[in-house]
Protein backbone atom coordinates (compact mmCIF):
# COMPACT_ATOMS: atom_id res chain seq x y z
CA MET A 1 66.14 99.52 86.80
CA THR A 2 65.43 97.15 89.70
CA ASP A 3 63.97 98.08 93.07
CA ALA A 4 67.28 96.98 94.62
CA ALA A 5 68.93 99.94 92.88
CA LEU A 6 66.69 102.36 94.78
CA VAL A 7 67.30 103.69 98.28
CA PRO A 8 64.36 104.95 100.38
CA GLY A 9 64.30 108.75 100.54
CA ARG A 10 66.03 109.23 97.19
CA PRO A 11 64.11 110.35 94.11
CA GLY A 12 65.78 107.90 91.75
CA PRO A 13 68.35 105.13 91.31
CA LEU A 14 71.91 105.30 92.63
CA VAL A 15 74.52 106.84 90.36
CA GLN A 16 76.44 103.55 90.39
CA ALA A 17 73.32 101.68 89.23
CA VAL A 18 72.98 104.05 86.28
CA LEU A 19 76.66 103.74 85.37
CA ALA A 20 76.45 99.94 85.55
CA GLN A 21 73.82 99.93 82.78
CA ASP A 22 75.58 102.43 80.52
CA VAL A 23 76.47 100.94 77.12
CA ASN A 24 79.79 102.81 77.30
CA PRO A 25 81.68 101.66 80.43
CA ALA A 26 82.45 104.50 82.82
CA PRO A 27 86.09 105.18 83.83
CA THR A 28 87.27 103.20 86.85
CA VAL A 29 87.61 106.32 88.97
CA MET A 30 83.86 106.92 88.56
CA ARG A 31 83.00 103.38 89.69
CA ALA A 32 85.07 103.44 92.89
CA GLU A 33 83.37 105.05 95.87
CA PRO A 34 85.30 106.12 98.99
CA PRO A 35 83.87 104.23 101.96
CA ALA A 36 82.76 107.33 103.84
CA LEU A 37 80.49 108.41 100.99
CA ASN A 38 78.17 105.42 101.29
CA LEU A 39 75.70 107.09 103.69
CA GLY A 40 72.55 105.35 102.49
CA GLY A 41 69.29 107.27 102.51
CA GLU A 42 69.42 108.51 106.09
CA ASP A 43 69.89 112.15 107.01
CA VAL A 44 73.50 113.13 107.70
CA SER A 45 74.06 113.72 111.40
CA VAL A 46 74.85 117.22 112.62
CA ALA A 47 77.91 115.66 114.23
CA ARG A 48 79.34 115.17 110.75
CA TYR A 49 79.74 118.94 110.45
CA ILE A 50 81.04 119.75 113.93
CA ALA A 51 83.00 116.64 114.99
CA LYS A 52 86.67 117.23 115.75
CA ALA A 53 87.64 114.02 113.90
CA TRP A 54 86.12 115.25 110.63
CA ARG A 55 87.76 118.67 111.06
CA GLU A 56 91.16 116.98 111.37
CA ILE A 57 90.55 114.90 108.23
CA GLU A 58 89.53 117.96 106.19
CA ALA A 59 92.52 119.93 107.44
CA ARG A 60 94.88 117.12 106.45
CA MET A 61 93.33 116.78 102.99
CA THR A 62 93.52 120.53 102.25
CA PRO A 63 97.18 121.55 102.47
CA SER A 64 98.00 125.23 102.85
CA VAL A 65 98.73 126.89 99.52
CA ALA A 66 100.92 129.41 101.30
CA ALA A 67 103.04 126.66 102.84
CA TRP A 68 103.59 125.03 99.45
CA SER A 69 104.48 128.39 97.92
CA VAL A 70 107.09 129.12 100.57
CA ALA A 71 108.59 125.65 100.13
CA LEU A 72 108.73 126.02 96.35
CA ILE A 73 110.31 129.48 96.48
CA GLY A 74 112.89 128.25 98.97
CA ALA A 75 113.80 125.32 96.75
CA VAL A 76 114.16 127.53 93.68
CA CYS A 77 116.35 130.00 95.57
CA LEU A 78 118.61 127.16 96.63
CA GLY A 79 118.71 125.79 93.11
CA GLN A 80 117.09 122.54 94.21
CA ALA A 81 114.27 120.60 92.56
CA VAL A 82 111.15 119.66 94.48
CA ALA A 83 111.03 115.86 94.29
CA ALA A 84 109.45 112.87 95.99
CA PRO A 85 111.52 110.97 98.58
CA ALA A 86 114.07 108.61 97.04
CA GLN A 87 112.79 105.70 99.12
CA GLY A 88 109.32 104.22 99.22
CA PRO A 89 107.19 103.84 102.35
CA ALA A 90 107.75 101.35 105.16
CA VAL A 91 105.26 99.03 103.44
CA ALA A 92 107.52 98.64 100.40
CA GLY A 93 107.39 95.20 98.84
CA ARG A 94 104.83 92.71 97.58
CA TRP A 95 101.64 92.15 99.56
CA ILE A 96 98.69 89.81 98.93
CA ILE A 97 95.03 90.74 99.44
CA THR A 98 94.02 87.78 101.59
CA GLY A 99 90.42 88.55 102.52
CA ALA A 100 87.54 91.00 102.80
CA GLN A 101 84.61 91.67 105.09
CA ILE A 102 81.55 93.93 105.09
CA ALA A 103 82.44 97.28 106.67
CA PRO A 104 80.74 98.26 109.95
CA TRP A 105 79.34 101.43 108.34
CA ALA A 106 77.77 99.63 105.35
CA TYR A 107 74.12 100.57 104.75
CA PRO A 108 72.11 97.33 104.21
CA LEU A 109 70.84 98.30 100.74
CA GLN A 110 74.16 99.68 99.58
CA ARG A 111 76.78 97.11 100.53
CA GLY A 112 78.47 96.74 97.16
CA GLY A 113 78.83 93.62 95.08
CA LYS A 114 80.69 90.37 95.63
CA ALA A 115 82.14 90.66 92.12
CA GLU A 116 84.67 93.29 93.17
CA GLU A 117 85.65 91.24 96.22
CA ARG A 118 86.23 88.16 94.06
CA ARG A 119 88.29 90.26 91.64
CA LEU A 120 90.57 91.68 94.34
CA VAL A 121 91.07 88.89 96.89
CA GLY A 122 94.16 86.85 96.01
CA GLN A 123 95.72 89.62 93.94
CA SER A 124 99.14 91.08 94.75
CA VAL A 125 99.94 94.73 95.44
CA VAL A 126 103.53 95.91 95.04
CA PHE A 127 104.63 99.11 96.78
CA ALA A 128 107.71 100.66 95.16
CA ALA A 129 109.58 103.93 95.65
CA HIS A 130 107.36 105.91 93.29
CA SER A 131 104.51 103.62 92.31
CA VAL A 132 102.00 100.96 93.31
CA ALA A 133 101.38 97.98 91.04
CA GLY A 134 98.06 96.26 91.60
CA PRO A 135 94.50 95.76 90.39
CA SER A 136 92.29 98.79 89.79
CA PRO A 137 91.75 101.07 91.65
CA LEU A 138 94.86 100.31 93.71
CA GLY A 139 97.47 100.76 90.96
CA CYS A 140 99.25 104.08 90.98
CA ALA A 141 101.95 105.10 88.50
CA HIS A 142 103.21 108.26 90.22
CA ALA A 143 103.01 107.88 93.98
CA VAL A 144 103.83 110.75 96.31
CA TRP A 145 103.79 109.14 99.72
CA SER A 146 102.10 110.61 102.77
CA VAL A 147 102.45 108.87 106.14
CA HIS A 148 100.70 109.78 109.38
CA ASP A 149 99.39 108.16 112.57
CA ASP A 150 95.62 107.92 113.04
CA THR A 151 93.33 107.21 115.98
CA PRO A 152 90.29 104.94 115.41
CA ASP A 153 87.92 107.83 114.66
CA LEU A 154 90.11 108.87 111.70
CA LEU A 155 90.44 105.45 110.05
CA PHE A 156 88.70 104.82 106.73
CA GLU A 157 88.16 108.57 106.21
CA GLY A 158 86.35 108.78 109.55
CA ALA A 159 83.75 106.17 108.62
CA LEU A 160 84.06 104.23 111.90
CA ALA A 161 82.93 107.32 113.80
CA GLU A 162 79.86 107.93 111.61
CA PRO A 163 76.47 107.57 113.41
CA ASP A 164 74.55 104.41 112.56
CA ALA A 165 71.36 104.29 110.48
CA ARG A 166 69.32 105.39 113.51
CA GLY A 167 71.59 108.33 114.25
CA ARG A 168 73.19 106.69 117.25
CA PRO A 169 76.94 107.29 117.77
CA ARG A 170 79.27 104.41 117.02
CA ASP A 171 82.20 103.39 119.23
CA ALA A 172 85.06 103.83 116.75
CA ALA A 173 87.63 102.37 119.15
CA ALA A 174 85.59 99.18 119.71
CA LEU A 175 84.98 98.75 115.98
CA ALA A 176 88.70 99.23 115.27
CA ARG A 177 89.61 96.61 117.88
CA ALA A 178 87.15 94.18 116.29
CA LEU A 179 88.94 94.72 112.99
CA GLY A 180 92.32 93.92 114.54
CA MET A 181 93.68 97.23 115.82
CA THR A 182 95.65 96.67 119.05
CA THR A 183 97.40 100.01 119.53
CA ARG A 184 96.20 103.54 120.33
CA THR A 185 97.11 104.77 116.85
CA VAL A 186 98.03 103.10 113.57
CA ARG A 187 100.28 104.22 110.75
CA THR A 188 98.34 105.28 107.64
CA VAL A 189 99.99 105.34 104.22
CA GLU A 190 98.53 107.32 101.30
CA THR A 191 99.83 107.28 97.72
CA GLY A 192 98.73 110.74 96.54
CA CYS A 193 97.35 109.33 93.28
CA SER A 194 94.62 106.98 94.55
CA GLU A 195 91.72 107.47 96.95
CA VAL A 196 92.67 104.30 98.81
CA ALA A 197 94.49 104.71 102.13
CA TYR A 198 96.30 101.80 103.80
CA HIS A 199 96.22 101.38 107.58
CA ARG A 200 98.98 99.26 109.12
CA PHE A 201 97.45 97.31 112.00
CA SER A 202 100.65 95.32 112.55
CA PRO A 203 104.03 94.80 110.84
CA THR A 204 102.40 92.06 108.75
CA THR A 205 98.85 93.42 108.33
CA LEU A 206 97.53 96.22 106.13
CA VAL A 207 93.85 97.07 105.68
CA PHE A 208 91.98 99.41 103.36
CA GLY A 209 88.35 100.29 102.77
CA LEU A 210 86.64 100.22 99.37
CA ASN A 211 82.95 100.25 98.46
CA ASN A 212 81.63 99.13 101.85
CA ARG A 213 84.21 96.39 102.34
CA ILE A 214 87.42 96.23 104.34
CA TYR A 215 90.24 94.31 102.68
CA THR A 216 93.22 92.74 104.46
CA LEU A 217 96.74 92.38 103.03
CA HIS A 218 99.69 90.33 104.26
CA PRO A 219 103.27 90.18 102.93
CA ALA A 220 103.67 87.79 100.03
CA PRO A 221 105.52 84.56 100.83
CA ALA A 222 109.14 84.48 99.72
CA GLY A 223 109.49 83.66 96.04
CA ARG A 224 105.96 84.68 95.12
């Protein structure tokens, strides 16, 4: 194990470093890390536990069991099946991953590898009514779409609002503008079967965060 695989303050190597050396390759889902989890070796700020932005994210990711039960009972009583919408999201169609950049929250010793960036950039992602076709971990065979509008502090699972390595608060709005956000909120699209969320910065620009990088997608040219 190399020194580069160690992070100050941790007793041993990163989980990803251990998995990378395993003779039996780990499943893809174990190798993909949500961007907000890459916190480096610094202490987690108290703000992480009391910030309104994080509370809203957790509330959105934990749907009420009672609400689902009422909806299911109502559908059964009406003799209707609970099904996904017949149409896909507003991003339906073929998009191309055109570029990537290091994320503002990336810890210097844990920025991820260029290999994944080289593998993804240039690839196409096709959003259909009930699926996403694309390179791992973007592909999704049984999509259940969720669409909502997010402010800068909620983008990338709240990572833009995380304190920096010295515990100083970040300006989520300024970071979002630097990434190309020009409106007060942006439309976020989630598939329900992948950890990746897509933020629509403009009619022709989607972005998503993965392993300390932010990737940009644009609609594929006609005929491609």
